[in-house]
Amino acid sequence: MSLASMTGFARAHDSLGPWRYAWEIKTVNSKGLDLRLRVPPNFDAVEVKARALISGRIARGSCFANLTARRDDAVVETRINRPALERLLKALDDVPLHASLRPASLDGLLAVRGIVEVIEMEDDEEQRNALDAKVLATLAQALEALTASRASEGAVIGDVLTARLARIGELTAQAEALPGRSAEAVRARLATQIAALLETGHSFDAQRLHQEAVLLAVKADIREELDRLKAHVVSAGELIGKGGPIGRRLDFLAQELSRETNTLCAKSNDGALTALGLELKIEVEQWREQVQNIE
């Protein structure tokens, strides 16, 4: 499976008989799947199936799906509500008219709300089912286009992630190979610092000084951080190679890479290692920014 970006847009339209309709789908970054679907009032039966269809194709991201539809030759029937008209006439008979008022005219009576009913003729059940099925088929087409768009962008991001991950691995290997992080180099720096303290003429407890030196040496050891960095790089590379909706897991690995890099910099007591650690932090942060776009 390939990687997919969380951003994309697609539109598909079609027609059936007098109906013209179109789907528009837009997705943007989100922590989970946030689906916002809008359909016209007379397409409520499509909504449930449309939600299931979209959820089956999109694992992560904010999705805005909108269906617009119109009927070109809407057939309407005009009816006069005779019972309501008769009740209105009877009520007018009981109303005394002023000399300045004219009797009610037919057009005036027909303008009263509820007297004339305009009824839009609806499709029969067979026509309606056929229309709903065609609308859902068009949604599937839009989802195909959206998936292709997200996959295309995901492939580009995947290349960037792979390149940056390789660079993180290179910097980790360089940090591991630095002479300054070897046990001998750490002991030499501690010996130099202790000698400088002794030259001040102050007396120190030799045993206590030895304990502190050992503690400092242990704190300066970054073997564990380097091992974890290498393990996370391998895991991330395997996930990218596997593909699919892996954005959450890559984000977790990005956090772990950042944590180990920060610890490495905090432990560093060597200038070259500190410089490499800072460069490593930059690479990890840029890698994490790209991960936020992956489904």
C-alpha atoms as a PDB file:
ATOM      1  CA  MET A   1       0.000   0.000   0.000  1.00  0.00           C
ATOM      2  CA  SER A   2       1.138   3.518  -0.730  1.00  0.00           C
ATOM      3  CA  LEU A   3       1.092   6.533   1.553  1.00  0.00           C
ATOM      4  CA  ALA A   4      -1.773   8.998   1.311  1.00  0.00           C
ATOM      5  CA  SER A   5      -1.880  12.668   2.140  1.00  0.00           C
ATOM      6  CA  MET A   6      -4.758  13.966   4.238  1.00  0.00           C
ATOM      7  CA  THR A   7      -5.419  16.859   1.849  1.00  0.00           C
ATOM      8  CA  GLY A   8      -7.337  16.480  -1.393  1.00  0.00           C
ATOM      9  CA  PHE A   9     -10.283  17.621  -3.485  1.00  0.00           C
ATOM     10  CA  ALA A  10     -12.552  15.916  -6.001  1.00  0.00           C
ATOM     11  CA  ARG A  11     -15.776  16.652  -7.853  1.00  0.00           C
ATOM     12  CA  ALA A  12     -18.049  14.336  -9.824  1.00  0.00           C
ATOM     13  CA  HIS A  13     -21.380  15.070 -11.477  1.00  0.00           C
ATOM     14  CA  ASP A  14     -23.995  13.141 -13.446  1.00  0.00           C
ATOM     15  CA  SER A  15     -27.674  13.127 -14.326  1.00  0.00           C
ATOM     16  CA  LEU A  16     -30.641  10.783 -14.445  1.00  0.00           C
ATOM     17  CA  GLY A  17     -33.835  11.802 -16.180  1.00  0.00           C
ATOM     18  CA  PRO A  18     -34.741  15.329 -15.088  1.00  0.00           C
ATOM     19  CA  TRP A  19     -32.247  15.292 -12.216  1.00  0.00           C
ATOM     20  CA  ARG A  20     -28.839  16.990 -12.304  1.00  0.00           C
ATOM     21  CA  TYR A  21     -26.536  16.461  -9.334  1.00  0.00           C
ATOM     22  CA  ALA A  22     -22.904  16.836  -8.245  1.00  0.00           C
ATOM     23  CA  TRP A  23     -20.666  15.729  -5.387  1.00  0.00           C
ATOM     24  CA  GLU A  24     -17.822  17.850  -4.034  1.00  0.00           C
ATOM     25  CA  ILE A  25     -15.415  16.335  -1.484  1.00  0.00           C
ATOM     26  CA  LYS A  26     -12.583  18.170   0.275  1.00  0.00           C
ATOM     27  CA  THR A  27     -10.246  16.772   2.934  1.00  0.00           C
ATOM     28  CA  VAL A  28      -7.725  18.519   5.174  1.00  0.00           C
ATOM     29  CA  ASN A  29      -5.472  17.500   8.066  1.00  0.00           C
ATOM     30  CA  SER A  30      -7.027  16.266  11.306  1.00  0.00           C
ATOM     31  CA  LYS A  31      -6.103  14.019  14.234  1.00  0.00           C
ATOM     32  CA  GLY A  32      -8.882  11.572  13.330  1.00  0.00           C
ATOM     33  CA  LEU A  33     -11.734  11.155  10.861  1.00  0.00           C
ATOM     34  CA  ASP A  34     -14.121  14.105  11.041  1.00  0.00           C
ATOM     35  CA  LEU A  35     -16.851  13.676   8.420  1.00  0.00           C
ATOM     36  CA  ARG A  36     -19.211  16.548   7.629  1.00  0.00           C
ATOM     37  CA  LEU A  37     -21.821  15.571   5.062  1.00  0.00           C
ATOM     38  CA  ARG A  38     -24.533  17.759   3.542  1.00  0.00           C
ATOM     39  CA  VAL A  39     -27.322  16.506   1.281  1.00  0.00           C
ATOM     40  CA  PRO A  40     -30.539  18.175   0.043  1.00  0.00           C
ATOM     41  CA  PRO A  41     -33.687  17.501   2.123  1.00  0.00           C
ATOM     42  CA  ASN A  42     -35.155  15.065  -0.417  1.00  0.00           C
ATOM     43  CA  PHE A  43     -31.984  12.951  -0.410  1.00  0.00           C
ATOM     44  CA  ASP A  44     -32.023  11.912   3.238  1.00  0.00           C
ATOM     45  CA  ALA A  45     -32.135   8.225   2.288  1.00  0.00           C
ATOM     46  CA  VAL A  46     -28.720   8.622   0.615  1.00  0.00           C
ATOM     47  CA  GLU A  47     -27.023  10.110   3.667  1.00  0.00           C
ATOM     48  CA  VAL A  48     -26.507   6.944   5.735  1.00  0.00           C
ATOM     49  CA  LYS A  49     -25.070   4.959   2.803  1.00  0.00           C
ATOM     50  CA  ALA A  50     -22.922   7.909   1.761  1.00  0.00           C
ATOM     51  CA  ARG A  51     -21.398   8.141   5.234  1.00  0.00           C
ATOM     52  CA  ALA A  52     -20.542   4.448   5.196  1.00  0.00           C
ATOM     53  CA  LEU A  53     -19.050   4.750   1.708  1.00  0.00           C
ATOM     54  CA  ILE A  54     -16.844   7.702   2.642  1.00  0.00           C
ATOM     55  CA  SER A  55     -15.741   6.171   5.959  1.00  0.00           C
ATOM     56  CA  GLY A  56     -14.695   3.037   4.107  1.00  0.00           C
ATOM     57  CA  ARG A  57     -12.319   4.989   1.864  1.00  0.00           C
ATOM     58  CA  ILE A  58     -10.935   7.650   4.228  1.00  0.00           C
ATOM     59  CA  ALA A  59      -9.246   6.651   7.485  1.00  0.00           C
ATOM     60  CA  ARG A  60      -8.091  10.062   8.721  1.00  0.00           C
ATOM     61  CA  GLY A  61      -8.680  13.749   8.039  1.00  0.00           C
ATOM     62  CA  SER A  62     -11.473  16.309   8.128  1.00  0.00           C
ATOM     63  CA  CYS A  63     -13.774  15.491   5.220  1.00  0.00           C
ATOM     64  CA  PHE A  64     -16.342  17.936   3.833  1.00  0.00           C
ATOM     65  CA  ALA A  65     -18.733  16.205   1.406  1.00  0.00           C
ATOM     66  CA  ASN A  66     -21.546  18.152  -0.255  1.00  0.00           C
ATOM     67  CA  LEU A  67     -24.286  16.952  -2.615  1.00  0.00           C
ATOM     68  CA  THR A  68     -26.158  19.465  -4.762  1.00  0.00           C
ATOM     69  CA  ALA A  69     -29.140  18.415  -6.904  1.00  0.00           C
ATOM     70  CA  ARG A  70     -31.868  20.050  -8.965  1.00  0.00           C
ATOM     71  CA  ARG A  71     -34.699  18.878 -11.143  1.00  0.00           C
ATOM     72  CA  ASP A  72     -34.929  20.566 -14.546  1.00  0.00           C
ATOM     73  CA  ASP A  73     -38.583  19.940 -15.386  1.00  0.00           C
ATOM     74  CA  ALA A  74     -40.270  19.784 -12.029  1.00  0.00           C
ATOM     75  CA  VAL A  75     -43.913  18.787 -12.562  1.00  0.00           C
ATOM     76  CA  VAL A  76     -46.343  20.685 -10.357  1.00  0.00           C
ATOM     77  CA  GLU A  77     -50.083  20.361  -9.861  1.00  0.00           C
ATOM     78  CA  THR A  78     -52.307  23.230  -8.720  1.00  0.00           C
ATOM     79  CA  ARG A  79     -55.331  22.425  -6.580  1.00  0.00           C
ATOM     80  CA  ILE A  80     -58.009  24.575  -4.987  1.00  0.00           C
ATOM     81  CA  ASN A  81     -58.825  23.573  -1.454  1.00  0.00           C
ATOM     82  CA  ARG A  82     -62.605  23.710  -1.855  1.00  0.00           C
ATOM     83  CA  PRO A  83     -63.515  22.961   1.784  1.00  0.00           C
ATOM     84  CA  ALA A  84     -61.226  25.793   2.928  1.00  0.00           C
ATOM     85  CA  LEU A  85     -62.699  28.152   0.308  1.00  0.00           C
ATOM     86  CA  GLU A  86     -66.254  27.325   1.396  1.00  0.00           C
ATOM     87  CA  ARG A  87     -65.392  27.938   5.034  1.00  0.00           C
ATOM     88  CA  LEU A  88     -63.879  31.272   4.091  1.00  0.00           C
ATOM     89  CA  LEU A  89     -66.984  32.310   2.114  1.00  0.00           C
ATOM     90  CA  LYS A  90     -69.245  31.319   4.991  1.00  0.00           C
ATOM     91  CA  ALA A  91     -67.163  33.348   7.400  1.00  0.00           C
ATOM     92  CA  LEU A  92     -67.359  36.378   5.107  1.00  0.00           C
ATOM     93  CA  ASP A  93     -71.171  36.142   5.059  1.00  0.00           C
ATOM     94  CA  ASP A  94     -71.198  36.852   8.766  1.00  0.00           C
ATOM     95  CA  VAL A  95     -68.961  39.902   8.459  1.00  0.00           C
ATOM     96  CA  PRO A  96     -70.849  43.206   8.025  1.00  0.00           C
ATOM     97  CA  LEU A  97     -69.252  45.306   5.303  1.00  0.00           C
ATOM     98  CA  HIS A  98     -68.735  49.012   5.626  1.00  0.00           C
ATOM     99  CA  ALA A  99     -70.161  51.123   2.845  1.00  0.00           C
ATOM    100  CA  SER A 100     -66.673  52.042   1.669  1.00  0.00           C
ATOM    101  CA  LEU A 101     -65.599  48.388   1.343  1.00  0.00           C
ATOM    102  CA  ARG A 102     -66.122  46.304  -1.770  1.00  0.00           C
ATOM    103  CA  PRO A 103     -67.115  42.638  -1.592  1.00  0.00           C
ATOM    104  CA  ALA A 104     -64.329  40.110  -1.811  1.00  0.00           C
ATOM    105  CA  SER A 105     -63.267  39.161  -5.340  1.00  0.00           C
ATOM    106  CA  LEU A 106     -62.290  35.686  -6.516  1.00  0.00           C
ATOM    107  CA  ASP A 107     -58.651  36.589  -7.091  1.00  0.00           C
ATOM    108  CA  GLY A 108     -58.483  38.035  -3.585  1.00  0.00           C
ATOM    109  CA  LEU A 109     -59.925  34.879  -2.095  1.00  0.00           C
ATOM    110  CA  LEU A 110     -57.534  32.666  -4.025  1.00  0.00           C
ATOM    111  CA  ALA A 111     -54.601  34.701  -2.682  1.00  0.00           C
ATOM    112  CA  VAL A 112     -55.479  33.680   0.873  1.00  0.00           C
ATOM    113  CA  ARG A 113     -52.938  31.198   2.211  1.00  0.00           C
ATOM    114  CA  GLY A 114     -54.132  27.595   2.069  1.00  0.00           C
ATOM    115  CA  ILE A 115     -56.828  28.127  -0.559  1.00  0.00           C
ATOM    116  CA  VAL A 116     -54.559  27.304  -3.521  1.00  0.00           C
ATOM    117  CA  GLU A 117     -52.153  24.405  -3.099  1.00  0.00           C
ATOM    118  CA  VAL A 118     -49.160  23.906  -5.401  1.00  0.00           C
ATOM    119  CA  ILE A 119     -47.988  20.299  -5.185  1.00  0.00           C
ATOM    120  CA  GLU A 120     -44.722  19.162  -6.747  1.00  0.00           C
ATOM    121  CA  MET A 121     -45.085  15.703  -8.213  1.00  0.00           C
ATOM    122  CA  GLU A 122     -42.598  13.240  -6.749  1.00  0.00           C
ATOM    123  CA  ASP A 123     -40.809  10.342  -8.408  1.00  0.00           C
ATOM    124  CA  ASP A 124     -42.334   6.949  -7.848  1.00  0.00           C
ATOM    125  CA  GLU A 125     -40.456   4.433  -5.672  1.00  0.00           C
ATOM    126  CA  GLU A 126     -38.712   2.730  -8.580  1.00  0.00           C
ATOM    127  CA  GLN A 127     -37.492   6.018 -10.020  1.00  0.00           C
ATOM    128  CA  ARG A 128     -36.377   7.194  -6.592  1.00  0.00           C
ATOM    129  CA  ASN A 129     -34.394   4.017  -5.916  1.00  0.00           C
ATOM    130  CA  ALA A 130     -32.700   4.286  -9.296  1.00  0.00           C
ATOM    131  CA  LEU A 131     -31.790   7.922  -8.605  1.00  0.00           C
ATOM    132  CA  ASP A 132     -30.377   7.133  -5.141  1.00  0.00           C
ATOM    133  CA  ALA A 133     -28.274   4.298  -6.588  1.00  0.00           C
ATOM    134  CA  LYS A 134     -26.918   6.570  -9.329  1.00  0.00           C
ATOM    135  CA  VAL A 135     -26.098   9.303  -6.822  1.00  0.00           C
ATOM    136  CA  LEU A 136     -24.128   6.829  -4.685  1.00  0.00           C
ATOM    137  CA  ALA A 137     -22.311   5.532  -7.774  1.00  0.00           C
ATOM    138  CA  THR A 138     -21.268   9.100  -8.582  1.00  0.00           C
ATOM    139  CA  LEU A 139     -20.048   9.497  -5.002  1.00  0.00           C
ATOM    140  CA  ALA A 140     -17.877   6.400  -5.521  1.00  0.00           C
ATOM    141  CA  GLN A 141     -16.378   8.065  -8.606  1.00  0.00           C
ATOM    142  CA  ALA A 142     -15.600  11.207  -6.613  1.00  0.00           C
ATOM    143  CA  LEU A 143     -13.970   9.100  -3.904  1.00  0.00           C
ATOM    144  CA  GLU A 144     -11.818   7.351  -6.518  1.00  0.00           C
ATOM    145  CA  ALA A 145     -10.581  10.723  -7.770  1.00  0.00           C
ATOM    146  CA  LEU A 146     -10.018  11.940  -4.204  1.00  0.00           C
ATOM    147  CA  THR A 147      -8.083   8.792  -3.300  1.00  0.00           C
ATOM    148  CA  ALA A 148      -5.886   9.185  -6.380  1.00  0.00           C
ATOM    149  CA  SER A 149      -5.208  12.828  -5.499  1.00  0.00           C
ATOM    150  CA  ARG A 150      -4.290  11.990  -1.906  1.00  0.00           C
ATOM    151  CA  ALA A 151      -2.106   9.077  -3.029  1.00  0.00           C
ATOM    152  CA  SER A 152      -0.240  11.269  -5.523  1.00  0.00           C
ATOM    153  CA  GLU A 153       0.586  13.847  -2.890  1.00  0.00           C
ATOM    154  CA  GLY A 154       1.333  11.081  -0.392  1.00  0.00           C
ATOM    155  CA  ALA A 155       3.955   9.610  -2.735  1.00  0.00           C
ATOM    156  CA  VAL A 156       5.770  12.955  -2.839  1.00  0.00           C
ATOM    157  CA  ILE A 157       5.652  13.290   0.955  1.00  0.00           C
ATOM    158  CA  GLY A 158       6.833   9.689   1.278  1.00  0.00           C
ATOM    159  CA  ASP A 159       9.954  10.485  -0.728  1.00  0.00           C
ATOM    160  CA  VAL A 160      10.660  13.471   1.511  1.00  0.00           C
ATOM    161  CA  LEU A 161      10.142  11.378   4.657  1.00  0.00           C
ATOM    162  CA  THR A 162      12.452   8.653   3.374  1.00  0.00           C
ATOM    163  CA  ALA A 163      15.201  11.147   2.523  1.00  0.00           C
ATOM    164  CA  ARG A 164      14.987  12.898   5.890  1.00  0.00           C
ATOM    165  CA  LEU A 165      14.858   9.594   7.739  1.00  0.00           C
ATOM    166  CA  ALA A 166      18.039   8.517   5.961  1.00  0.00           C
ATOM    167  CA  ARG A 167      19.662  11.761   7.051  1.00  0.00           C
ATOM    168  CA  ILE A 168      18.601  11.137  10.666  1.00  0.00           C
ATOM    169  CA  GLY A 169      20.193   7.707  10.438  1.00  0.00           C
ATOM    170  CA  GLU A 170      23.405   9.205   9.040  1.00  0.00           C
ATOM    171  CA  LEU A 171      23.646  11.785  11.822  1.00  0.00           C
ATOM    172  CA  THR A 172      23.023   9.089  14.440  1.00  0.00           C
ATOM    173  CA  ALA A 173      25.858   7.003  12.976  1.00  0.00           C
ATOM    174  CA  GLN A 174      28.155  10.050  12.958  1.00  0.00           C
ATOM    175  CA  ALA A 175      27.333  10.748  16.598  1.00  0.00           C
ATOM    176  CA  GLU A 176      28.096   7.152  17.477  1.00  0.00           C
ATOM    177  CA  ALA A 177      31.475   7.342  15.738  1.00  0.00           C
ATOM    178  CA  LEU A 178      32.602  10.596  17.362  1.00  0.00           C
ATOM    179  CA  PRO A 179      35.865  10.137  19.296  1.00  0.00           C
ATOM    180  CA  GLY A 180      34.638  12.541  21.961  1.00  0.00           C
ATOM    181  CA  ARG A 181      31.905  10.186  23.206  1.00  0.00           C
ATOM    182  CA  SER A 182      34.211   7.225  23.837  1.00  0.00           C
ATOM    183  CA  ALA A 183      34.830   6.109  27.421  1.00  0.00           C
ATOM    184  CA  GLU A 184      38.523   7.023  27.093  1.00  0.00           C
ATOM    185  CA  ALA A 185      37.690  10.569  25.977  1.00  0.00           C
ATOM    186  CA  VAL A 186      35.195  11.017  28.816  1.00  0.00           C
ATOM    187  CA  ARG A 187      37.773   9.793  31.355  1.00  0.00           C
ATOM    188  CA  ALA A 188      40.400  12.101  29.887  1.00  0.00           C
ATOM    189  CA  ARG A 189      38.131  15.153  30.197  1.00  0.00           C
ATOM    190  CA  LEU A 190      37.255  14.244  33.771  1.00  0.00           C
ATOM    191  CA  ALA A 191      40.930  13.758  34.626  1.00  0.00           C
ATOM    192  CA  THR A 192      41.737  17.183  33.187  1.00  0.00           C
ATOM    193  CA  GLN A 193      38.920  18.804  35.189  1.00  0.00           C
ATOM    194  CA  ILE A 194      40.019  17.059  38.408  1.00  0.00           C
ATOM    195  CA  ALA A 195      43.635  18.122  37.842  1.00  0.00           C
ATOM    196  CA  ALA A 196      42.509  21.701  37.399  1.00  0.00           C
ATOM    197  CA  LEU A 197      40.653  21.533  40.711  1.00  0.00           C
ATOM    198  CA  LEU A 198      43.662  20.083  42.529  1.00  0.00           C
ATOM    199  CA  GLU A 199      45.885  22.854  41.198  1.00  0.00           C
ATOM    200  CA  THR A 200      43.817  25.398  43.122  1.00  0.00           C
ATOM    201  CA  GLY A 201      45.411  24.099  46.314  1.00  0.00           C
ATOM    202  CA  HIS A 202      42.181  22.847  47.832  1.00  0.00           C
ATOM    203  CA  SER A 203      42.028  19.376  49.291  1.00  0.00           C
ATOM    204  CA  PHE A 204      39.375  16.933  48.140  1.00  0.00           C
ATOM    205  CA  ASP A 205      38.184  13.604  49.436  1.00  0.00           C
ATOM    206  CA  ALA A 206      39.685  11.184  46.911  1.00  0.00           C
ATOM    207  CA  GLN A 207      36.917   8.610  47.349  1.00  0.00           C
ATOM    208  CA  ARG A 208      34.186  11.200  47.029  1.00  0.00           C
ATOM    209  CA  LEU A 209      35.889  12.673  43.983  1.00  0.00           C
ATOM    210  CA  HIS A 210      36.068   9.242  42.385  1.00  0.00           C
ATOM    211  CA  GLN A 211      32.346   8.647  42.996  1.00  0.00           C
ATOM    212  CA  GLU A 212      31.425  11.964  41.419  1.00  0.00           C
ATOM    213  CA  ALA A 213      33.642  11.230  38.432  1.00  0.00           C
ATOM    214  CA  VAL A 214      31.959   7.858  37.897  1.00  0.00           C
ATOM    215  CA  LEU A 215      28.514   9.485  38.186  1.00  0.00           C
ATOM    216  CA  LEU A 216      29.420  12.122  35.614  1.00  0.00           C
ATOM    217  CA  ALA A 217      30.737   9.464  33.258  1.00  0.00           C
ATOM    218  CA  VAL A 218      27.488   7.496  33.528  1.00  0.00           C
ATOM    219  CA  LYS A 219      25.396  10.616  32.903  1.00  0.00           C
ATOM    220  CA  ALA A 220      27.471  11.469  29.837  1.00  0.00           C
ATOM    221  CA  ASP A 221      26.971   8.029  28.266  1.00  0.00           C
ATOM    222  CA  ILE A 222      24.557   8.274  25.297  1.00  0.00           C
ATOM    223  CA  ARG A 223      24.707   4.620  24.266  1.00  0.00           C
ATOM    224  CA  GLU A 224      21.051   4.061  25.166  1.00  0.00           C
ATOM    225  CA  GLU A 225      19.870   7.139  23.245  1.00  0.00           C
ATOM    226  CA  LEU A 226      21.834   6.140  20.142  1.00  0.00           C
ATOM    227  CA  ASP A 227      20.414   2.599  20.230  1.00  0.00           C
ATOM    228  CA  ARG A 228      16.874   3.933  20.519  1.00  0.00           C
ATOM    229  CA  LEU A 229      17.393   6.423  17.718  1.00  0.00           C
ATOM    230  CA  LYS A 230      18.619   3.647  15.410  1.00  0.00           C
ATOM    231  CA  ALA A 231      15.686   1.419  16.393  1.00  0.00           C
ATOM    232  CA  HIS A 232      13.151   4.198  15.736  1.00  0.00           C
ATOM    233  CA  VAL A 233      14.707   4.944  12.338  1.00  0.00           C
ATOM    234  CA  VAL A 234      14.385   1.282  11.363  1.00  0.00           C
ATOM    235  CA  SER A 235      10.761   1.109  12.583  1.00  0.00           C
ATOM    236  CA  ALA A 236       9.806   4.288  10.723  1.00  0.00           C
ATOM    237  CA  GLY A 237      11.427   3.016   7.518  1.00  0.00           C
ATOM    238  CA  GLU A 238       9.489  -0.247   7.753  1.00  0.00           C
ATOM    239  CA  LEU A 239       6.214   1.612   8.269  1.00  0.00           C
ATOM    240  CA  ILE A 240       6.813   3.884   5.291  1.00  0.00           C
ATOM    241  CA  GLY A 241       7.644   0.859   3.154  1.00  0.00           C
ATOM    242  CA  LYS A 242       4.439  -0.860   4.289  1.00  0.00           C
ATOM    243  CA  GLY A 243       2.260   2.188   3.555  1.00  0.00           C
ATOM    244  CA  GLY A 244      -1.430   2.575   4.362  1.00  0.00           C
ATOM    245  CA  PRO A 245      -2.948   4.785   7.079  1.00  0.00           C
ATOM    246  CA  ILE A 246       0.181   4.989   9.264  1.00  0.00           C
ATOM    247  CA  GLY A 247       0.149   8.690  10.158  1.00  0.00           C
ATOM    248  CA  ARG A 248      -0.626   8.157  13.852  1.00  0.00           C
ATOM    249  CA  ARG A 249       2.186   5.628  14.315  1.00  0.00           C
ATOM    250  CA  LEU A 250       4.660   7.815  12.443  1.00  0.00           C
ATOM    251  CA  ASP A 251       3.668  10.735  14.647  1.00  0.00           C
ATOM    252  CA  PHE A 252       4.388   8.630  17.739  1.00  0.00           C
ATOM    253  CA  LEU A 253       7.817   7.695  16.364  1.00  0.00           C
ATOM    254  CA  ALA A 254       8.478  11.364  15.594  1.00  0.00           C
ATOM    255  CA  GLN A 255       7.818  12.194  19.245  1.00  0.00           C
ATOM    256  CA  GLU A 256      10.173   9.414  20.366  1.00  0.00           C
ATOM    257  CA  LEU A 257      12.900  10.580  17.977  1.00  0.00           C
ATOM    258  CA  SER A 258      12.532  14.098  19.325  1.00  0.00           C
ATOM    259  CA  ARG A 259      12.699  12.883  22.930  1.00  0.00           C
ATOM    260  CA  GLU A 260      15.884  10.851  22.372  1.00  0.00           C
ATOM    261  CA  THR A 261      17.526  13.698  20.462  1.00  0.00           C
ATOM    262  CA  ASN A 262      16.780  16.168  23.263  1.00  0.00           C
ATOM    263  CA  THR A 263      18.246  13.771  25.824  1.00  0.00           C
ATOM    264  CA  LEU A 264      21.353  13.282  23.690  1.00  0.00           C
ATOM    265  CA  CYS A 265      21.912  17.048  23.523  1.00  0.00           C
ATOM    266  CA  ALA A 266      21.320  17.407  27.259  1.00  0.00           C
ATOM    267  CA  LYS A 267      23.923  14.723  28.063  1.00  0.00           C
ATOM    268  CA  SER A 268      26.513  15.981  25.624  1.00  0.00           C
ATOM    269  CA  ASN A 269      29.719  17.359  27.093  1.00  0.00           C
ATOM    270  CA  ASP A 270      31.543  17.469  23.775  1.00  0.00           C
ATOM    271  CA  GLY A 271      31.323  20.345  21.289  1.00  0.00           C
ATOM    272  CA  ALA A 272      31.212  18.162  18.178  1.00  0.00           C
ATOM    273  CA  LEU A 273      28.487  15.948  19.669  1.00  0.00           C
ATOM    274  CA  THR A 274      26.429  18.992  20.630  1.00  0.00           C
ATOM    275  CA  ALA A 275      26.661  20.357  17.074  1.00  0.00           C
ATOM    276  CA  LEU A 276      25.545  17.010  15.664  1.00  0.00           C
ATOM    277  CA  GLY A 277      22.726  16.841  18.195  1.00  0.00           C
ATOM    278  CA  LEU A 278      21.399  20.255  17.168  1.00  0.00           C
ATOM    279  CA  GLU A 279      21.472  19.269  13.495  1.00  0.00           C
ATOM    280  CA  LEU A 280      19.699  16.061  14.423  1.00  0.00           C
ATOM    281  CA  LYS A 281      16.982  18.047  16.227  1.00  0.00           C
ATOM    282  CA  ILE A 282      16.385  20.144  13.112  1.00  0.00           C
ATOM    283  CA  GLU A 283      16.060  17.057  10.903  1.00  0.00           C
ATOM    284  CA  VAL A 284      13.705  15.338  13.344  1.00  0.00           C
ATOM    285  CA  GLU A 285      11.497  18.417  13.615  1.00  0.00           C
ATOM    286  CA  GLN A 286      11.275  18.804   9.837  1.00  0.00           C
ATOM    287  CA  TRP A 287      10.504  15.094   9.519  1.00  0.00           C
ATOM    288  CA  ARG A 288       7.744  15.445  12.103  1.00  0.00           C
ATOM    289  CA  GLU A 289       6.202  18.386  10.246  1.00  0.00           C
ATOM    290  CA  GLN A 290       5.867  16.244   7.120  1.00  0.00           C
ATOM    291  CA  VAL A 291       4.417  13.357   9.132  1.00  0.00           C
ATOM    292  CA  GLN A 292       1.484  15.604  10.134  1.00  0.00           C
ATOM    293  CA  ASN A 293       0.265  15.459   6.503  1.00  0.00           C
ATOM    294  CA  ILE A 294       0.091  11.656   6.306  1.00  0.00           C
ATOM    295  CA  GLU A 295      -3.213   9.810   6.660  1.00  0.00           C
END
